Every structure is written in structure tokens, then in C-alpha cells.
Amino acid sequence: MAEELQIAGGGKEEKYALLYKQIATLTENESDAIANMANASAMIHHTFGFWWTVFYRVVGDELVLGPFQGPLACSRIKYGRGVCGTAWKEQRTQVVPDVEQFPGHIACSSASKSEIVVPLSDADGNITAVLDIDSEHYNTFDDVDRLWLEKIVGLLK
């Protein structure tokens, strides 16, 4: 694991467990989705030091840039395109160890090497947004990230 994922007295799972509790507390009385996405992206980004942590919101037939932390981002992504559009279309998390190996990958930044995209859905099961996290390192994300990030996005309204 990358050095930034280590904390005193614990590892990645312990970090996620604490982050989950913090985001749950912060979002439980906030009904605004963008406010919750903004705080969650900041908390995830600064906890793990990822290259890029962004929410894209579903607007019509596109994903539109929402709250994020990191460098300049792509503003719009079509349904089914790239890792984000694929997560939306397939309605499931995408874990990509090497973005160059993903068919149709959209390179918003050449520094991105691996990626995880987690869809957010409403009470009716409709995808409303995706959480997209990129790393400057290959093979950054695994099932631990997938499980905890799915739990975290489940908190967002």
C-alpha cells in the first residue's frame, strides 16, 4: 500500500471506518446533496491524499462536474463513456488498476494511473451521481476501497 494510506495504530480499513463515522455525523442533518458531496469529497481526498476526488452529477444524458478536490477536471461525460459513464450505465462500481487498459478511458489528466468509480443512487434505485477517485499510482484501489466507498456514498442524500 502507498505510504499515505498508513496511520498510527491502524491501516486503511481503520481509516475508512473513522471516515465513515465522520461523514455519517456530518450528513445526517444536511439534506442538500451538493453540500454533502462537497464535504465528502474533501474528507475522502484529505484523508487518503488521492490525486483527484470528484462527484459527477447525472443531468439528462450526461454526467456533469460537481464538487471535487484536485486539479482541473473534465466538465461533462456522456452516458456509457469512460470509467465514470460505464459505472453509471452498468450501475456498479468500477475498479481500474491501470486506466490505460480500460477501453474508452477519458484522460482528464495524464497523471492518473488507477481509478475507482462508485455510483450513487436514490431511494428508487436511479443513479444520481458517481464518485470518481483517481490515483497517480497503479493498483491503488481494491475491494477494501470498493466496500467502504460504497458504504460512504450510501450515506449521501
C-alpha atoms as a PDB file:
ATOM      1  CA  MET A   1       0.000   0.000   0.000  1.00  0.00           C
ATOM      2  CA  ALA A   2       1.068   3.564  -0.598  1.00  0.00           C
ATOM      3  CA  GLU A   3       2.646   5.345   2.350  1.00  0.00           C
ATOM      4  CA  GLU A   4      -0.196   7.904   2.623  1.00  0.00           C
ATOM      5  CA  LEU A   5      -2.635   5.102   3.462  1.00  0.00           C
ATOM      6  CA  GLN A   6      -0.940   4.284   6.743  1.00  0.00           C
ATOM      7  CA  ILE A   7      -1.969   5.848  10.045  1.00  0.00           C
ATOM      8  CA  ALA A   8      -0.577   5.443  13.538  1.00  0.00           C
ATOM      9  CA  GLY A   9      -2.059   2.331  15.116  1.00  0.00           C
ATOM     10  CA  GLY A  10      -4.027   1.239  12.073  1.00  0.00           C
ATOM     11  CA  GLY A  11      -4.294   0.858   8.349  1.00  0.00           C
ATOM     12  CA  LYS A  12      -6.637   1.583   5.500  1.00  0.00           C
ATOM     13  CA  GLU A  13      -9.714  -0.160   6.954  1.00  0.00           C
ATOM     14  CA  GLU A  14      -9.417   1.722  10.240  1.00  0.00           C
ATOM     15  CA  LYS A  15      -9.106   4.978   8.324  1.00  0.00           C
ATOM     16  CA  TYR A  16     -12.238   4.192   6.326  1.00  0.00           C
ATOM     17  CA  ALA A  17     -14.166   3.191   9.455  1.00  0.00           C
ATOM     18  CA  LEU A  18     -13.388   6.533  11.109  1.00  0.00           C
ATOM     19  CA  LEU A  19     -14.108   8.451   7.901  1.00  0.00           C
ATOM     20  CA  TYR A  20     -17.466   6.663   7.569  1.00  0.00           C
ATOM     21  CA  LYS A  21     -18.477   7.719  11.077  1.00  0.00           C
ATOM     22  CA  GLN A  22     -17.392  11.315  10.449  1.00  0.00           C
ATOM     23  CA  ILE A  23     -19.297  11.569   7.164  1.00  0.00           C
ATOM     24  CA  ALA A  24     -22.374   9.938   8.738  1.00  0.00           C
ATOM     25  CA  THR A  25     -22.368  12.529  11.516  1.00  0.00           C
ATOM     26  CA  LEU A  26     -21.782  15.421   9.130  1.00  0.00           C
ATOM     27  CA  THR A  27     -24.514  14.422   6.658  1.00  0.00           C
ATOM     28  CA  GLU A  28     -27.258  13.143   8.963  1.00  0.00           C
ATOM     29  CA  ASN A  29     -28.900  16.571   9.343  1.00  0.00           C
ATOM     30  CA  GLU A  30     -27.952  18.026   5.952  1.00  0.00           C
ATOM     31  CA  SER A  31     -30.442  17.444   3.138  1.00  0.00           C
ATOM     32  CA  ASP A  32     -28.578  19.297   0.374  1.00  0.00           C
ATOM     33  CA  ALA A  33     -26.901  16.763  -1.912  1.00  0.00           C
ATOM     34  CA  ILE A  34     -24.247  19.161  -3.209  1.00  0.00           C
ATOM     35  CA  ALA A  35     -23.251  20.244   0.295  1.00  0.00           C
ATOM     36  CA  ASN A  36     -22.881  16.594   1.293  1.00  0.00           C
ATOM     37  CA  MET A  37     -20.887  15.760  -1.840  1.00  0.00           C
ATOM     38  CA  ALA A  38     -18.605  18.763  -1.264  1.00  0.00           C
ATOM     39  CA  ASN A  39     -17.800  17.775   2.304  1.00  0.00           C
ATOM     40  CA  ALA A  40     -17.449  14.081   1.471  1.00  0.00           C
ATOM     41  CA  SER A  41     -15.062  14.782  -1.427  1.00  0.00           C
ATOM     42  CA  ALA A  42     -12.906  16.992   0.801  1.00  0.00           C
ATOM     43  CA  MET A  43     -12.858  14.462   3.633  1.00  0.00           C
ATOM     44  CA  ILE A  44     -12.026  11.484   1.400  1.00  0.00           C
ATOM     45  CA  HIS A  45      -9.398  13.434  -0.527  1.00  0.00           C
ATOM     46  CA  HIS A  46      -7.582  14.767   2.512  1.00  0.00           C
ATOM     47  CA  THR A  47      -7.816  11.519   4.471  1.00  0.00           C
ATOM     48  CA  PHE A  48      -6.097   9.472   1.765  1.00  0.00           C
ATOM     49  CA  GLY A  49      -4.191  12.025  -0.306  1.00  0.00           C
ATOM     50  CA  PHE A  50      -5.662  10.821  -3.587  1.00  0.00           C
ATOM     51  CA  TRP A  51      -4.804  12.663  -6.825  1.00  0.00           C
ATOM     52  CA  TRP A  52      -8.386  13.531  -7.582  1.00  0.00           C
ATOM     53  CA  THR A  53     -11.717  13.066  -5.765  1.00  0.00           C
ATOM     54  CA  VAL A  54     -14.800  14.204  -7.681  1.00  0.00           C
ATOM     55  CA  PHE A  55     -18.545  13.785  -7.834  1.00  0.00           C
ATOM     56  CA  TYR A  56     -20.232  13.900 -11.226  1.00  0.00           C
ATOM     57  CA  ARG A  57     -23.988  14.517 -11.139  1.00  0.00           C
ATOM     58  CA  VAL A  58     -26.428  12.961 -13.596  1.00  0.00           C
ATOM     59  CA  VAL A  59     -28.007  15.740 -15.668  1.00  0.00           C
ATOM     60  CA  GLY A  60     -30.012  14.414 -18.606  1.00  0.00           C
ATOM     61  CA  ASP A  61     -27.806  12.097 -20.659  1.00  0.00           C
ATOM     62  CA  GLU A  62     -24.528  13.358 -19.184  1.00  0.00           C
ATOM     63  CA  LEU A  63     -22.503  13.364 -16.023  1.00  0.00           C
ATOM     64  CA  VAL A  64     -21.791  16.979 -15.084  1.00  0.00           C
ATOM     65  CA  LEU A  65     -18.900  18.040 -12.877  1.00  0.00           C
ATOM     66  CA  GLY A  66     -19.874  18.521  -9.258  1.00  0.00           C
ATOM     67  CA  PRO A  67     -17.929  19.098  -6.043  1.00  0.00           C
ATOM     68  CA  PHE A  68     -14.320  17.967  -6.223  1.00  0.00           C
ATOM     69  CA  GLN A  69     -10.813  18.170  -4.803  1.00  0.00           C
ATOM     70  CA  GLY A  70      -7.726  18.097  -7.004  1.00  0.00           C
ATOM     71  CA  PRO A  71      -6.593  19.505 -10.350  1.00  0.00           C
ATOM     72  CA  LEU A  72      -8.724  20.635 -13.278  1.00  0.00           C
ATOM     73  CA  ALA A  73     -11.468  18.158 -14.188  1.00  0.00           C
ATOM     74  CA  CYS A  74     -13.460  17.185 -17.272  1.00  0.00           C
ATOM     75  CA  SER A  75     -16.768  19.069 -17.171  1.00  0.00           C
ATOM     76  CA  ARG A  76     -19.088  16.590 -18.904  1.00  0.00           C
ATOM     77  CA  ILE A  77     -19.066  12.859 -19.595  1.00  0.00           C
ATOM     78  CA  LYS A  78     -21.602  11.067 -21.801  1.00  0.00           C
ATOM     79  CA  TYR A  79     -23.603   8.078 -20.620  1.00  0.00           C
ATOM     80  CA  GLY A  80     -21.569   4.886 -21.061  1.00  0.00           C
ATOM     81  CA  ARG A  81     -18.285   6.687 -21.877  1.00  0.00           C
ATOM     82  CA  GLY A  82     -15.087   6.204 -19.900  1.00  0.00           C
ATOM     83  CA  VAL A  83     -14.922   4.704 -16.429  1.00  0.00           C
ATOM     84  CA  CYS A  84     -17.496   7.130 -14.989  1.00  0.00           C
ATOM     85  CA  GLY A  85     -20.027   6.650 -17.776  1.00  0.00           C
ATOM     86  CA  THR A  86     -19.549   2.875 -17.574  1.00  0.00           C
ATOM     87  CA  ALA A  87     -20.210   2.852 -13.806  1.00  0.00           C
ATOM     88  CA  TRP A  88     -23.404   4.813 -14.482  1.00  0.00           C
ATOM     89  CA  LYS A  89     -24.509   2.546 -17.333  1.00  0.00           C
ATOM     90  CA  GLU A  90     -23.694  -0.725 -15.545  1.00  0.00           C
ATOM     91  CA  GLN A  91     -24.895   0.623 -12.171  1.00  0.00           C
ATOM     92  CA  ARG A  92     -21.919  -0.868 -10.393  1.00  0.00           C
ATOM     93  CA  THR A  93     -18.552   0.170  -9.029  1.00  0.00           C
ATOM     94  CA  GLN A  94     -15.617   0.108 -11.432  1.00  0.00           C
ATOM     95  CA  VAL A  95     -12.147  -0.630 -10.021  1.00  0.00           C
ATOM     96  CA  VAL A  96      -9.462   0.061 -12.618  1.00  0.00           C
ATOM     97  CA  PRO A  97      -5.850  -0.878 -11.717  1.00  0.00           C
ATOM     98  CA  ASP A  98      -4.412   0.738 -14.880  1.00  0.00           C
ATOM     99  CA  VAL A  99      -6.542   3.345 -16.666  1.00  0.00           C
ATOM    100  CA  GLU A 100      -4.617   2.887 -19.922  1.00  0.00           C
ATOM    101  CA  GLN A 101      -6.007  -0.665 -20.106  1.00  0.00           C
ATOM    102  CA  PHE A 102      -9.650   0.459 -19.748  1.00  0.00           C
ATOM    103  CA  PRO A 103     -11.367   0.614 -23.170  1.00  0.00           C
ATOM    104  CA  GLY A 104     -12.542   4.167 -23.858  1.00  0.00           C
ATOM    105  CA  HIS A 105     -10.840   5.712 -20.848  1.00  0.00           C
ATOM    106  CA  ILE A 106     -11.192   9.504 -20.819  1.00  0.00           C
ATOM    107  CA  ALA A 107      -7.868  11.080 -19.871  1.00  0.00           C
ATOM    108  CA  CYS A 108      -8.725  14.252 -17.968  1.00  0.00           C
ATOM    109  CA  SER A 109      -5.179  14.117 -16.576  1.00  0.00           C
ATOM    110  CA  SER A 110      -2.160  12.164 -17.778  1.00  0.00           C
ATOM    111  CA  ALA A 111      -1.091  11.839 -14.120  1.00  0.00           C
ATOM    112  CA  SER A 112      -3.983   9.473 -13.350  1.00  0.00           C
ATOM    113  CA  LYS A 113      -2.861   5.846 -13.312  1.00  0.00           C
ATOM    114  CA  SER A 114      -5.640   3.974 -11.474  1.00  0.00           C
ATOM    115  CA  GLU A 115      -9.244   4.786 -10.696  1.00  0.00           C
ATOM    116  CA  ILE A 116     -12.350   3.768  -8.783  1.00  0.00           C
ATOM    117  CA  VAL A 117     -15.850   4.992  -9.641  1.00  0.00           C
ATOM    118  CA  VAL A 118     -18.789   4.363  -7.312  1.00  0.00           C
ATOM    119  CA  PRO A 119     -22.374   5.128  -8.411  1.00  0.00           C
ATOM    120  CA  LEU A 120     -24.818   6.868  -6.041  1.00  0.00           C
ATOM    121  CA  SER A 121     -28.495   6.019  -6.303  1.00  0.00           C
ATOM    122  CA  ASP A 122     -31.707   7.471  -4.924  1.00  0.00           C
ATOM    123  CA  ALA A 123     -34.376   5.584  -2.963  1.00  0.00           C
ATOM    124  CA  ASP A 124     -35.852   4.283  -6.240  1.00  0.00           C
ATOM    125  CA  GLY A 125     -32.507   2.872  -7.414  1.00  0.00           C
ATOM    126  CA  ASN A 126     -31.877   5.563 -10.040  1.00  0.00           C
ATOM    127  CA  ILE A 127     -28.241   6.637 -10.407  1.00  0.00           C
ATOM    128  CA  THR A 128     -27.999  10.320  -9.448  1.00  0.00           C
ATOM    129  CA  ALA A 129     -24.216  10.772  -9.397  1.00  0.00           C
ATOM    130  CA  VAL A 130     -20.907   8.937  -9.352  1.00  0.00           C
ATOM    131  CA  LEU A 131     -17.920   9.322  -7.059  1.00  0.00           C
ATOM    132  CA  ASP A 132     -14.715   9.227  -9.125  1.00  0.00           C
ATOM    133  CA  ILE A 133     -11.349   8.878  -7.401  1.00  0.00           C
ATOM    134  CA  ASP A 134      -8.054   8.806  -9.285  1.00  0.00           C
ATOM    135  CA  SER A 135      -4.568   7.947  -8.084  1.00  0.00           C
ATOM    136  CA  GLU A 136      -1.157   8.827  -9.506  1.00  0.00           C
ATOM    137  CA  HIS A 137      -0.115   5.228  -8.797  1.00  0.00           C
ATOM    138  CA  TYR A 138      -1.087   1.955 -10.428  1.00  0.00           C
ATOM    139  CA  ASN A 139      -3.150  -0.614  -8.497  1.00  0.00           C
ATOM    140  CA  THR A 140      -4.190   1.800  -5.755  1.00  0.00           C
ATOM    141  CA  PHE A 141      -7.763   0.561  -5.292  1.00  0.00           C
ATOM    142  CA  ASP A 142      -9.014  -2.822  -4.137  1.00  0.00           C
ATOM    143  CA  ASP A 143     -12.063  -4.466  -2.528  1.00  0.00           C
ATOM    144  CA  VAL A 144     -11.441  -2.636   0.750  1.00  0.00           C
ATOM    145  CA  ASP A 145     -11.807   0.703  -1.072  1.00  0.00           C
ATOM    146  CA  ARG A 146     -14.816  -0.552  -3.007  1.00  0.00           C
ATOM    147  CA  LEU A 147     -16.674  -1.798   0.065  1.00  0.00           C
ATOM    148  CA  TRP A 148     -16.036   1.291   2.192  1.00  0.00           C
ATOM    149  CA  LEU A 149     -16.677   3.806  -0.585  1.00  0.00           C
ATOM    150  CA  GLU A 150     -19.955   2.063  -1.415  1.00  0.00           C
ATOM    151  CA  LYS A 151     -20.932   2.386   2.251  1.00  0.00           C
ATOM    152  CA  ILE A 152     -19.902   6.042   2.299  1.00  0.00           C
ATOM    153  CA  VAL A 153     -21.856   7.000  -0.823  1.00  0.00           C
ATOM    154  CA  GLY A 154     -24.837   5.210   0.689  1.00  0.00           C
ATOM    155  CA  LEU A 155     -24.862   7.948   3.348  1.00  0.00           C
ATOM    156  CA  LEU A 156     -25.251  10.767   0.831  1.00  0.00           C
ATOM    157  CA  LYS A 157     -28.672  12.244   0.161  1.00  0.00           C
END
